[in-house]
Every structure is written in C-alpha cells, then in structure tokens.
C-alpha atoms as a PDB file:
ATOM      1  CA  UNK A   1       2.427  -7.509  24.149  1.00  0.00           C
ATOM      2  CA  UNK A   2      -0.833  -6.663  25.944  1.00  0.00           C
ATOM      3  CA  UNK A   3      -2.477  -3.385  24.945  1.00  0.00           C
ATOM      4  CA  UNK A   4      -5.531  -1.621  26.276  1.00  0.00           C
ATOM      5  CA  UNK A   5      -8.100  -0.433  23.732  1.00  0.00           C
ATOM      6  CA  UNK A   6      -6.830   3.176  23.330  1.00  0.00           C
ATOM      7  CA  UNK A   7      -3.241   1.959  22.871  1.00  0.00           C
ATOM      8  CA  UNK A   8      -4.388  -0.574  20.261  1.00  0.00           C
ATOM      9  CA  UNK A   9      -6.195   2.199  18.402  1.00  0.00           C
ATOM     10  CA  UNK A  10      -2.932   4.128  18.455  1.00  0.00           C
ATOM     11  CA  UNK A  11      -1.095   1.215  16.855  1.00  0.00           C
ATOM     12  CA  UNK A  12      -3.736   1.007  14.101  1.00  0.00           C
ATOM     13  CA  UNK A  13      -3.502   4.719  13.376  1.00  0.00           C
ATOM     14  CA  UNK A  14       0.303   4.543  13.400  1.00  0.00           C
ATOM     15  CA  UNK A  15       0.289   1.593  10.986  1.00  0.00           C
ATOM     16  CA  UNK A  16      -1.831   3.426   8.421  1.00  0.00           C
ATOM     17  CA  UNK A  17       0.082   6.682   9.002  1.00  0.00           C
ATOM     18  CA  UNK A  18       3.323   4.862   8.160  1.00  0.00           C
ATOM     19  CA  UNK A  19       1.751   3.612   4.907  1.00  0.00           C
ATOM     20  CA  UNK A  20       0.740   7.164   4.018  1.00  0.00           C
ATOM     21  CA  UNK A  21       4.213   8.469   4.820  1.00  0.00           C
ATOM     22  CA  UNK A  22       6.088   6.008   2.623  1.00  0.00           C
ATOM     23  CA  UNK A  23       3.661   6.580  -0.252  1.00  0.00           C
ATOM     24  CA  UNK A  24       4.452  10.309  -0.096  1.00  0.00           C
ATOM     25  CA  UNK A  25       8.199   9.804   0.365  1.00  0.00           C
ATOM     26  CA  UNK A  26       8.380   7.414  -2.584  1.00  0.00           C
ATOM     27  CA  UNK A  27       7.886  10.405  -4.925  1.00  0.00           C
ATOM     28  CA  UNK A  28      11.285  12.067  -4.256  1.00  0.00           C
ATOM     29  CA  UNK A  29      12.909   8.620  -4.235  1.00  0.00           C
ATOM     30  CA  UNK A  30      11.429   7.820  -7.653  1.00  0.00           C
ATOM     31  CA  UNK A  31      12.854  11.125  -8.922  1.00  0.00           C
ATOM     32  CA  UNK A  32      16.351  10.262  -7.660  1.00  0.00           C
ATOM     33  CA  UNK A  33      16.592   6.508  -8.386  1.00  0.00           C
ATOM     34  CA  UNK A  34      15.403   4.510 -11.441  1.00  0.00           C
ATOM     35  CA  UNK A  35      12.160   2.674 -10.639  1.00  0.00           C
ATOM     36  CA  UNK A  36      13.361  -0.948 -10.969  1.00  0.00           C
ATOM     37  CA  UNK A  37      16.549  -0.211  -9.039  1.00  0.00           C
ATOM     38  CA  UNK A  38      14.541   1.572  -6.336  1.00  0.00           C
ATOM     39  CA  UNK A  39      12.246  -1.440  -5.951  1.00  0.00           C
ATOM     40  CA  UNK A  40      15.228  -3.815  -5.826  1.00  0.00           C
ATOM     41  CA  UNK A  41      16.910  -1.700  -3.135  1.00  0.00           C
ATOM     42  CA  UNK A  42      13.666  -1.620  -1.139  1.00  0.00           C
ATOM     43  CA  UNK A  43      13.294  -5.408  -1.187  1.00  0.00           C
ATOM     44  CA  UNK A  44      17.021  -5.938  -0.584  1.00  0.00           C
ATOM     45  CA  UNK A  45      17.166  -3.697   2.494  1.00  0.00           C
ATOM     46  CA  UNK A  46      13.982  -5.238   3.890  1.00  0.00           C
ATOM     47  CA  UNK A  47      15.301  -8.762   3.232  1.00  0.00           C
ATOM     48  CA  UNK A  48      18.328  -8.047   5.425  1.00  0.00           C
ATOM     49  CA  UNK A  49      16.124  -6.602   8.177  1.00  0.00           C
ATOM     50  CA  UNK A  50      13.776  -9.621   8.105  1.00  0.00           C
ATOM     51  CA  UNK A  51      16.375 -12.419   8.071  1.00  0.00           C
ATOM     52  CA  UNK A  52      15.174 -13.698  11.496  1.00  0.00           C
ATOM     53  CA  UNK A  53      11.740 -14.443   9.973  1.00  0.00           C
ATOM     54  CA  UNK A  54      12.941 -15.743   6.600  1.00  0.00           C
ATOM     55  CA  UNK A  55      14.204 -19.140   7.666  1.00  0.00           C
ATOM     56  CA  UNK A  56      12.222 -21.787   9.515  1.00  0.00           C
ATOM     57  CA  UNK A  57      13.002 -21.716  13.219  1.00  0.00           C
ATOM     58  CA  UNK A  58      12.402 -24.327  15.889  1.00  0.00           C
ATOM     59  CA  UNK A  59       8.686 -24.663  16.506  1.00  0.00           C
ATOM     60  CA  UNK A  60       7.733 -22.954  13.234  1.00  0.00           C
ATOM     61  CA  UNK A  61       5.587 -24.743  10.694  1.00  0.00           C
ATOM     62  CA  UNK A  62       7.130 -25.089   7.224  1.00  0.00           C
ATOM     63  CA  UNK A  63       4.949 -23.814   4.360  1.00  0.00           C
ATOM     64  CA  UNK A  64       3.175 -26.520   2.366  1.00  0.00           C
ATOM     65  CA  UNK A  65       3.612 -26.686  -1.442  1.00  0.00           C
ATOM     66  CA  UNK A  66       0.221 -24.972  -1.788  1.00  0.00           C
ATOM     67  CA  UNK A  67       1.316 -22.237   0.652  1.00  0.00           C
ATOM     68  CA  UNK A  68       4.501 -21.645  -1.380  1.00  0.00           C
ATOM     69  CA  UNK A  69       2.371 -21.114  -4.505  1.00  0.00           C
ATOM     70  CA  UNK A  70       0.144 -18.695  -2.603  1.00  0.00           C
ATOM     71  CA  UNK A  71       3.180 -16.841  -1.273  1.00  0.00           C
ATOM     72  CA  UNK A  72       4.600 -16.483  -4.779  1.00  0.00           C
ATOM     73  CA  UNK A  73       1.307 -15.178  -6.183  1.00  0.00           C
ATOM     74  CA  UNK A  74       0.952 -12.761  -3.274  1.00  0.00           C
ATOM     75  CA  UNK A  75       4.435 -11.447  -3.919  1.00  0.00           C
ATOM     76  CA  UNK A  76       3.914 -11.231  -7.683  1.00  0.00           C
ATOM     77  CA  UNK A  77       0.787  -9.089  -7.306  1.00  0.00           C
ATOM     78  CA  UNK A  78       1.299  -7.444  -3.910  1.00  0.00           C
ATOM     79  CA  UNK A  79       5.038  -6.722  -4.098  1.00  0.00           C
ATOM     80  CA  UNK A  80       6.367  -6.972  -7.662  1.00  0.00           C
ATOM     81  CA  UNK A  81       3.496  -5.528  -9.754  1.00  0.00           C
ATOM     82  CA  UNK A  82       2.328  -3.271  -6.910  1.00  0.00           C
ATOM     83  CA  UNK A  83       5.755  -1.634  -6.601  1.00  0.00           C
ATOM     84  CA  UNK A  84       6.173  -1.162 -10.358  1.00  0.00           C
ATOM     85  CA  UNK A  85       2.718   0.404 -10.779  1.00  0.00           C
ATOM     86  CA  UNK A  86       2.847   2.488  -7.597  1.00  0.00           C
ATOM     87  CA  UNK A  87       6.367   3.880  -8.088  1.00  0.00           C
ATOM     88  CA  UNK A  88       5.807   4.709 -11.765  1.00  0.00           C
ATOM     89  CA  UNK A  89       2.436   6.228 -10.873  1.00  0.00           C
ATOM     90  CA  UNK A  90       3.775   8.384  -8.032  1.00  0.00           C
ATOM     91  CA  UNK A  91       6.539   9.619 -10.340  1.00  0.00           C
ATOM     92  CA  UNK A  92       3.876  11.010 -12.718  1.00  0.00           C
ATOM     93  CA  UNK A  93       1.199  12.259 -10.301  1.00  0.00           C
ATOM     94  CA  UNK A  94       1.236  14.012  -6.936  1.00  0.00           C
ATOM     95  CA  UNK A  95       1.923  12.215  -3.669  1.00  0.00           C
ATOM     96  CA  UNK A  96      -1.344  13.533  -2.240  1.00  0.00           C
ATOM     97  CA  UNK A  97      -3.353  12.148  -5.182  1.00  0.00           C
ATOM     98  CA  UNK A  98      -1.571   8.796  -4.851  1.00  0.00           C
ATOM     99  CA  UNK A  99      -2.508   8.538  -1.170  1.00  0.00           C
ATOM    100  CA  UNK A 100      -6.142   9.358  -1.907  1.00  0.00           C
ATOM    101  CA  UNK A 101      -6.312   6.737  -4.668  1.00  0.00           C
ATOM    102  CA  UNK A 102      -4.677   4.108  -2.461  1.00  0.00           C
ATOM    103  CA  UNK A 103      -7.365   4.711   0.159  1.00  0.00           C
ATOM    104  CA  UNK A 104      -9.948   3.204  -2.239  1.00  0.00           C
ATOM    105  CA  UNK A 105      -8.542  -0.196  -1.255  1.00  0.00           C
ATOM    106  CA  UNK A 106     -11.538  -1.319   0.900  1.00  0.00           C
ATOM    107  CA  UNK A 107     -13.943  -0.637  -1.966  1.00  0.00           C
ATOM    108  CA  UNK A 108     -11.775  -2.473  -4.506  1.00  0.00           C
ATOM    109  CA  UNK A 109     -11.372  -5.448  -2.158  1.00  0.00           C
ATOM    110  CA  UNK A 110     -15.177  -5.575  -1.805  1.00  0.00           C
ATOM    111  CA  UNK A 111     -15.582  -5.677  -5.604  1.00  0.00           C
ATOM    112  CA  UNK A 112     -12.883  -8.303  -6.091  1.00  0.00           C
ATOM    113  CA  UNK A 113     -14.346 -10.428  -3.282  1.00  0.00           C
ATOM    114  CA  UNK A 114     -17.699 -10.331  -5.080  1.00  0.00           C
ATOM    115  CA  UNK A 115     -16.124 -11.235  -8.432  1.00  0.00           C
ATOM    116  CA  UNK A 116     -13.619 -13.897  -7.354  1.00  0.00           C
ATOM    117  CA  UNK A 117     -15.051 -15.190  -4.055  1.00  0.00           C
ATOM    118  CA  UNK A 118     -18.710 -14.700  -4.984  1.00  0.00           C
ATOM    119  CA  UNK A 119     -19.402 -12.645  -1.869  1.00  0.00           C
ATOM    120  CA  UNK A 120     -22.488 -10.445  -2.093  1.00  0.00           C
ATOM    121  CA  UNK A 121     -22.015  -6.692  -2.419  1.00  0.00           C
ATOM    122  CA  UNK A 122     -24.130  -4.817   0.128  1.00  0.00           C
ATOM    123  CA  UNK A 123     -25.700  -1.428  -0.489  1.00  0.00           C
ATOM    124  CA  UNK A 124     -22.958   0.189   1.613  1.00  0.00           C
ATOM    125  CA  UNK A 125     -20.225  -1.461  -0.438  1.00  0.00           C
ATOM    126  CA  UNK A 126     -21.826  -0.396  -3.727  1.00  0.00           C
ATOM    127  CA  UNK A 127     -22.072   3.205  -2.490  1.00  0.00           C
ATOM    128  CA  UNK A 128     -18.422   3.046  -1.330  1.00  0.00           C
ATOM    129  CA  UNK A 129     -17.392   1.838  -4.804  1.00  0.00           C
ATOM    130  CA  UNK A 130     -19.333   4.696  -6.417  1.00  0.00           C
ATOM    131  CA  UNK A 131     -17.590   7.190  -4.116  1.00  0.00           C
ATOM    132  CA  UNK A 132     -14.204   5.672  -5.010  1.00  0.00           C
ATOM    133  CA  UNK A 133     -14.979   5.977  -8.722  1.00  0.00           C
ATOM    134  CA  UNK A 134     -16.177   9.557  -8.243  1.00  0.00           C
ATOM    135  CA  UNK A 135     -13.025  10.485  -6.316  1.00  0.00           C
ATOM    136  CA  UNK A 136     -10.700   9.057  -8.967  1.00  0.00           C
ATOM    137  CA  UNK A 137     -12.750  10.725 -11.730  1.00  0.00           C
ATOM    138  CA  UNK A 138     -12.381  14.088  -9.983  1.00  0.00           C
ATOM    139  CA  UNK A 139      -8.611  13.579  -9.735  1.00  0.00           C
ATOM    140  CA  UNK A 140      -8.457  12.658 -13.415  1.00  0.00           C
ATOM    141  CA  UNK A 141     -10.165  15.909 -14.371  1.00  0.00           C
ATOM    142  CA  UNK A 142      -8.157  18.043 -11.958  1.00  0.00           C
ATOM    143  CA  UNK A 143      -5.492  19.742 -14.032  1.00  0.00           C
ATOM    144  CA  UNK A 144      -4.943  22.972 -12.137  1.00  0.00           C
ATOM    145  CA  UNK A 145      -1.297  23.963 -11.943  1.00  0.00           C
ATOM    146  CA  UNK A 146      -0.068  21.521 -14.595  1.00  0.00           C
ATOM    147  CA  UNK A 147       2.078  22.556 -17.535  1.00  0.00           C
ATOM    148  CA  UNK A 148       0.898  22.023 -21.141  1.00  0.00           C
ATOM    149  CA  UNK A 149       1.127  18.320 -21.923  1.00  0.00           C
ATOM    150  CA  UNK A 150       1.601  17.437 -18.261  1.00  0.00           C
ATOM    151  CA  UNK A 151      -2.065  16.585 -17.674  1.00  0.00           C
ATOM    152  CA  UNK A 152      -1.750  13.388 -19.725  1.00  0.00           C
ATOM    153  CA  UNK A 153       1.153  12.294 -17.518  1.00  0.00           C
ATOM    154  CA  UNK A 154      -0.880  13.013 -14.382  1.00  0.00           C
ATOM    155  CA  UNK A 155      -3.810  10.984 -15.734  1.00  0.00           C
ATOM    156  CA  UNK A 156      -1.511   8.050 -16.533  1.00  0.00           C
ATOM    157  CA  UNK A 157       0.068   8.337 -13.085  1.00  0.00           C
ATOM    158  CA  UNK A 158      -3.345   8.198 -11.399  1.00  0.00           C
ATOM    159  CA  UNK A 159      -4.298   5.122 -13.451  1.00  0.00           C
ATOM    160  CA  UNK A 160      -1.029   3.389 -12.554  1.00  0.00           C
ATOM    161  CA  UNK A 161      -1.595   4.073  -8.848  1.00  0.00           C
ATOM    162  CA  UNK A 162      -5.102   2.636  -9.180  1.00  0.00           C
ATOM    163  CA  UNK A 163      -3.602  -0.407 -10.927  1.00  0.00           C
ATOM    164  CA  UNK A 164      -1.406  -0.848  -7.842  1.00  0.00           C
ATOM    165  CA  UNK A 165      -4.582  -0.773  -5.714  1.00  0.00           C
ATOM    166  CA  UNK A 166      -6.006  -3.612  -7.824  1.00  0.00           C
ATOM    167  CA  UNK A 167      -2.772  -5.591  -7.379  1.00  0.00           C
ATOM    168  CA  UNK A 168      -2.917  -5.086  -3.614  1.00  0.00           C
ATOM    169  CA  UNK A 169      -6.577  -6.135  -3.545  1.00  0.00           C
ATOM    170  CA  UNK A 170      -5.619  -9.437  -5.206  1.00  0.00           C
ATOM    171  CA  UNK A 171      -2.880  -9.770  -2.578  1.00  0.00           C
ATOM    172  CA  UNK A 172      -5.451  -9.305   0.210  1.00  0.00           C
ATOM    173  CA  UNK A 173      -7.800 -11.933  -1.244  1.00  0.00           C
ATOM    174  CA  UNK A 174      -4.984 -14.447  -1.746  1.00  0.00           C
ATOM    175  CA  UNK A 175      -3.819 -13.982   1.841  1.00  0.00           C
ATOM    176  CA  UNK A 176      -7.082 -14.892   3.524  1.00  0.00           C
ATOM    177  CA  UNK A 177      -5.941 -18.445   4.341  1.00  0.00           C
ATOM    178  CA  UNK A 178      -2.170 -18.073   4.810  1.00  0.00           C
ATOM    179  CA  UNK A 179      -2.358 -16.468   8.255  1.00  0.00           C
ATOM    180  CA  UNK A 180      -3.914 -19.659   9.627  1.00  0.00           C
ATOM    181  CA  UNK A 181      -0.590 -21.507   9.343  1.00  0.00           C
ATOM    182  CA  UNK A 182       2.099 -18.776   9.163  1.00  0.00           C
ATOM    183  CA  UNK A 183       2.792 -15.681  11.243  1.00  0.00           C
ATOM    184  CA  UNK A 184       2.347 -12.257   9.678  1.00  0.00           C
ATOM    185  CA  UNK A 185       6.085 -11.475   9.885  1.00  0.00           C
ATOM    186  CA  UNK A 186       7.011 -14.813   8.286  1.00  0.00           C
ATOM    187  CA  UNK A 187       4.575 -14.166   5.432  1.00  0.00           C
ATOM    188  CA  UNK A 188       5.995 -10.646   5.019  1.00  0.00           C
ATOM    189  CA  UNK A 189       9.577 -11.939   4.978  1.00  0.00           C
ATOM    190  CA  UNK A 190       8.889 -14.668   2.411  1.00  0.00           C
ATOM    191  CA  UNK A 191       6.877 -12.548  -0.012  1.00  0.00           C
ATOM    192  CA  UNK A 192       9.504  -9.810   0.304  1.00  0.00           C
ATOM    193  CA  UNK A 193      12.162 -12.383  -0.676  1.00  0.00           C
ATOM    194  CA  UNK A 194      10.109 -13.458  -3.697  1.00  0.00           C
ATOM    195  CA  UNK A 195       9.709  -9.785  -4.606  1.00  0.00           C
ATOM    196  CA  UNK A 196      13.480  -9.315  -4.500  1.00  0.00           C
ATOM    197  CA  UNK A 197      14.062 -12.332  -6.766  1.00  0.00           C
ATOM    198  CA  UNK A 198      11.453 -11.097  -9.266  1.00  0.00           C
ATOM    199  CA  UNK A 199      12.730  -7.510  -9.470  1.00  0.00           C
ATOM    200  CA  UNK A 200      16.477  -8.277  -9.223  1.00  0.00           C
ATOM    201  CA  UNK A 201      17.159  -8.828 -12.982  1.00  0.00           C
ATOM    202  CA  UNK A 202      15.535  -5.478 -13.808  1.00  0.00           C
ATOM    203  CA  UNK A 203      17.371  -3.751 -10.955  1.00  0.00           C
ATOM    204  CA  UNK A 204      20.732  -5.151 -12.099  1.00  0.00           C
ATOM    205  CA  UNK A 205      19.981  -3.886 -15.616  1.00  0.00           C
ATOM    206  CA  UNK A 206      19.482  -0.332 -14.318  1.00  0.00           C
ATOM    207  CA  UNK A 207      22.335  -0.386 -11.803  1.00  0.00           C
ATOM    208  CA  UNK A 208      24.891  -0.611 -14.646  1.00  0.00           C
ATOM    209  CA  UNK A 209      24.514   3.068 -15.490  1.00  0.00           C
ATOM    210  CA  UNK A 210      23.531   4.472 -12.101  1.00  0.00           C
ATOM    211  CA  UNK A 211      25.907   6.610 -10.041  1.00  0.00           C
ATOM    212  CA  UNK A 212      25.349   5.843  -6.358  1.00  0.00           C
ATOM    213  CA  UNK A 213      27.800   8.607  -5.477  1.00  0.00           C
ATOM    214  CA  UNK A 214      25.219  11.146  -6.627  1.00  0.00           C
ATOM    215  CA  UNK A 215      22.811  10.151  -3.834  1.00  0.00           C
ATOM    216  CA  UNK A 216      22.864  12.463  -0.840  1.00  0.00           C
ATOM    217  CA  UNK A 217      22.944  11.061   2.721  1.00  0.00           C
ATOM    218  CA  UNK A 218      19.351  12.199   3.355  1.00  0.00           C
ATOM    219  CA  UNK A 219      18.215  10.253   0.277  1.00  0.00           C
ATOM    220  CA  UNK A 220      19.803   7.094   1.686  1.00  0.00           C
ATOM    221  CA  UNK A 221      18.045   7.733   5.016  1.00  0.00           C
ATOM    222  CA  UNK A 222      14.668   8.097   3.280  1.00  0.00           C
ATOM    223  CA  UNK A 223      15.367   4.943   1.247  1.00  0.00           C
ATOM    224  CA  UNK A 224      16.080   2.873   4.364  1.00  0.00           C
ATOM    225  CA  UNK A 225      12.942   4.215   6.049  1.00  0.00           C
ATOM    226  CA  UNK A 226      10.888   3.480   2.922  1.00  0.00           C
ATOM    227  CA  UNK A 227      12.145  -0.118   2.764  1.00  0.00           C
ATOM    228  CA  UNK A 228      11.568  -0.876   6.457  1.00  0.00           C
ATOM    229  CA  UNK A 229       8.249   0.985   6.612  1.00  0.00           C
ATOM    230  CA  UNK A 230       6.804  -0.650   3.485  1.00  0.00           C
ATOM    231  CA  UNK A 231       7.853  -4.225   4.212  1.00  0.00           C
ATOM    232  CA  UNK A 232       7.984  -4.465   7.983  1.00  0.00           C
ATOM    233  CA  UNK A 233       6.995  -1.546  10.229  1.00  0.00           C
ATOM    234  CA  UNK A 234       3.500  -0.860   8.880  1.00  0.00           C
ATOM    235  CA  UNK A 235       2.603  -4.571   8.994  1.00  0.00           C
ATOM    236  CA  UNK A 236       3.808  -4.977  12.583  1.00  0.00           C
ATOM    237  CA  UNK A 237       1.995  -1.879  13.839  1.00  0.00           C
ATOM    238  CA  UNK A 238      -1.273  -2.781  12.127  1.00  0.00           C
ATOM    239  CA  UNK A 239      -1.373  -6.444  13.160  1.00  0.00           C
ATOM    240  CA  UNK A 240      -0.282  -5.654  16.734  1.00  0.00           C
ATOM    241  CA  UNK A 241      -3.206  -3.279  17.123  1.00  0.00           C
ATOM    242  CA  UNK A 242      -5.588  -5.609  15.323  1.00  0.00           C
ATOM    243  CA  UNK A 243      -5.053  -8.331  17.953  1.00  0.00           C
ATOM    244  CA  UNK A 244      -6.749  -6.141  20.575  1.00  0.00           C
ATOM    245  CA  UNK A 245      -9.507  -4.499  18.511  1.00  0.00           C
ATOM    246  CA  UNK A 246     -12.679  -6.033  17.041  1.00  0.00           C
ATOM    247  CA  UNK A 247     -12.246  -6.534  13.314  1.00  0.00           C
ATOM    248  CA  UNK A 248     -15.317  -4.459  12.512  1.00  0.00           C
ATOM    249  CA  UNK A 249     -13.713  -1.452  14.272  1.00  0.00           C
ATOM    250  CA  UNK A 250     -10.255  -1.666  12.708  1.00  0.00           C
ATOM    251  CA  UNK A 251     -11.250  -0.603   9.203  1.00  0.00           C
ATOM    252  CA  UNK A 252     -12.177   2.871  10.423  1.00  0.00           C
ATOM    253  CA  UNK A 253      -8.522   3.597  11.101  1.00  0.00           C
ATOM    254  CA  UNK A 254      -7.524   3.222   7.436  1.00  0.00           C
ATOM    255  CA  UNK A 255      -8.637   6.868   7.128  1.00  0.00           C
ATOM    256  CA  UNK A 256      -5.175   7.651   8.521  1.00  0.00           C
ATOM    257  CA  UNK A 257      -3.666   6.619   5.166  1.00  0.00           C
ATOM    258  CA  UNK A 258      -4.974   9.502   3.013  1.00  0.00           C
ATOM    259  CA  UNK A 259      -4.618  11.929   5.926  1.00  0.00           C
ATOM    260  CA  UNK A 260      -0.966  10.964   6.450  1.00  0.00           C
ATOM    261  CA  UNK A 261      -0.030  10.951   2.762  1.00  0.00           C
ATOM    262  CA  UNK A 262      -1.691  14.333   2.245  1.00  0.00           C
ATOM    263  CA  UNK A 263       0.035  15.822   5.307  1.00  0.00           C
ATOM    264  CA  UNK A 264       3.448  14.585   4.155  1.00  0.00           C
ATOM    265  CA  UNK A 265       2.823  15.766   0.598  1.00  0.00           C
ATOM    266  CA  UNK A 266       1.893  19.264   1.741  1.00  0.00           C
ATOM    267  CA  UNK A 267       4.251  19.593   4.710  1.00  0.00           C
ATOM    268  CA  UNK A 268       7.425  17.960   3.344  1.00  0.00           C
ATOM    269  CA  UNK A 269       7.048  18.021  -0.430  1.00  0.00           C
ATOM    270  CA  UNK A 270       5.379  21.414  -0.702  1.00  0.00           C
ATOM    271  CA  UNK A 271       2.427  20.206  -2.773  1.00  0.00           C
ATOM    272  CA  UNK A 272      -0.659  22.404  -3.075  1.00  0.00           C
ATOM    273  CA  UNK A 273      -4.111  20.867  -2.747  1.00  0.00           C
ATOM    274  CA  UNK A 274      -6.754  21.933  -5.247  1.00  0.00           C
ATOM    275  CA  UNK A 275     -10.514  21.837  -4.786  1.00  0.00           C
ATOM    276  CA  UNK A 276     -10.511  18.588  -6.765  1.00  0.00           C
ATOM    277  CA  UNK A 277      -8.093  17.011  -4.287  1.00  0.00           C
ATOM    278  CA  UNK A 278     -10.360  17.950  -1.375  1.00  0.00           C
ATOM    279  CA  UNK A 279     -13.448  16.544  -3.105  1.00  0.00           C
ATOM    280  CA  UNK A 280     -11.613  13.293  -3.865  1.00  0.00           C
ATOM    281  CA  UNK A 281     -10.332  13.177  -0.275  1.00  0.00           C
ATOM    282  CA  UNK A 282     -13.875  13.465   1.110  1.00  0.00           C
ATOM    283  CA  UNK A 283     -15.052  10.725  -1.290  1.00  0.00           C
ATOM    284  CA  UNK A 284     -12.211   8.452  -0.151  1.00  0.00           C
ATOM    285  CA  UNK A 285     -12.901   8.967   3.551  1.00  0.00           C
ATOM    286  CA  UNK A 286     -16.634   8.508   2.998  1.00  0.00           C
ATOM    287  CA  UNK A 287     -16.077   5.206   1.187  1.00  0.00           C
ATOM    288  CA  UNK A 288     -13.819   3.896   3.953  1.00  0.00           C
ATOM    289  CA  UNK A 289     -16.308   4.807   6.677  1.00  0.00           C
ATOM    290  CA  UNK A 290     -19.216   3.217   4.796  1.00  0.00           C
ATOM    291  CA  UNK A 291     -17.489  -0.168   4.694  1.00  0.00           C
ATOM    292  CA  UNK A 292     -15.684   0.044   8.031  1.00  0.00           C
ATOM    293  CA  UNK A 293     -18.769   1.001  10.079  1.00  0.00           C
ATOM    294  CA  UNK A 294     -21.118  -1.572   8.528  1.00  0.00           C
ATOM    295  CA  UNK A 295     -22.640  -4.174  10.884  1.00  0.00           C
ATOM    296  CA  UNK A 296     -20.424  -7.241  11.285  1.00  0.00           C
ATOM    297  CA  UNK A 297     -22.675  -9.492   9.193  1.00  0.00           C
ATOM    298  CA  UNK A 298     -22.757  -6.971   6.376  1.00  0.00           C
ATOM    299  CA  UNK A 299     -18.991  -6.586   6.496  1.00  0.00           C
ATOM    300  CA  UNK A 300     -18.520 -10.309   5.915  1.00  0.00           C
ATOM    301  CA  UNK A 301     -20.710 -10.138   2.818  1.00  0.00           C
ATOM    302  CA  UNK A 302     -19.156  -6.887   1.577  1.00  0.00           C
END
C-alpha cells in the first residue's frame, strides 16, 4: 500500500485513537467479565483472527531459538502482565485517567532505555519524565466525586495502570531487534498465542462459575472489537502509517491516545473530568511532544 504523507498521518492518528478507544471500552468489559477470563477471551478471539500469520508460510523466515525466547518474554511482559495490570487498574480507576497514564509510555521507555540499554537521557527526556510523574501525582491526589473509601481503590487502580505502562515499556525494548527478521503481524500473532497459553489456566479457573448467558449482545460486540483492536488493528494502522513517515515525526501522533481515551470515557461512559484530570492531561501531552519533537540525534539518545 502506497500512501501520501497526509494519508500516512491519518493512519498514525487512527492507530493511536484505536488504542485509546479499547482502553476506555475495557472498563465496562472488566465490570461484566472476570479479569482473567476477559484476558483469555481477548487472546482467544485475536488468535482466531490472526491464524494466517501464526504459522510459517512459504517464503517466511522461521524464528531462531533466540527469537522464540524474545517472543516469549515480550508476550509475558507486553501481553500477559500488561493485560492483568491494565484490566485490574481500569476496573478500579476511571477510563480517562487510565488513558492519560498510558500516554506516559514515551517517557517510561526513555528511562528504561537509559537503565537497561545505557542510552543517555537528554534534557528533553528528563523534563518529559518529570511531567509524567507530575501528571500521575495529580491523578493520585484527585479524589473529587469519589465515595468514602473509594479513593484508595482509585489510587491502586492508577498504580496498576502505571505498572502496565512499565510492562509495555519492557516489551518495546525487547522488540527492538525482532522486526529485523519477522514481520509486525507475525510478531503480533506469535506473542498473542503465547499470551493465550499463559492466561488460559487462570481463564479456565474463572469460567467454571461464569454465566455467559448473562452477557448482552452489545457486550459481545465490544469484546470482539476490544480483542481485534488490541491485538491486530492498532498495530496494523500504526505500522502502515509509520512506513511512510519519518520516525522522528511519528511520535507526535501518540497524543491521539489520551485524546481518544478521554473522548470515549466522557462521550460513551459518561465520566466527568475534574481539574486534576485536565492538569494531568496537559502534562501527558507536554511530555509526549517534548520527546517526539526532539532532533533526530537527541531522540536516539533519549
């Protein structure tokens, strides 16, 4: 597929908007379906959709033993632990807060790259990290509209969502070399399959007492969208756009994640944004722009 620059920008925005949408929609799903079972259903539905990329086809390169280990670790952190932390976190906090916290990803990746890959943190990256910390701190101290005793649950939910960000940052670092030998869809299919195998025992434990007949048709529709969007659609949209856009421009479009999650939370879930949410939102967007608009050389070091 050949895209002109504006169309490629549209794909990048759409990719991040899809991420924001499934983060918001995971909140009502987590309220209707036990967490482990929900994760198992997500990976199971996506595994069926990605069968064409799961098995080695003619002309495809088979993963090396080292690549299989990398794929497993990516799935363990980026699928298994990420899903457990994110779904439990979203169940306890608001969808809008979860989207804002998830948008701290570029700052966390910069820190982890400095710690594990010994890449130097630039002044921009340090300021982005400080903004991310400030935004999360504001969310932690925002308690308006909560019932007595609920604030502790919100704080725990925010921390769990941030833990999912850390898991995803490890996933990003581990995946730096895999794309050299495997396509993005093949990587997505294989780590999704590992995720299904890891979560399946816990999902089977919860399915024993769950009544699927209680799920409404619209819940099933949201579940299917969540599974496809999280494992397949967002990846395809983002990487398709990325092929036609300089890497140092693409990061700017991650601002669509908090915007999308906030819009879905307010428009579909009826959430109300407090002053603290707006302050944290501005911090998140500021941190993204600081890293995404850095000169190319600085971006490599950050």
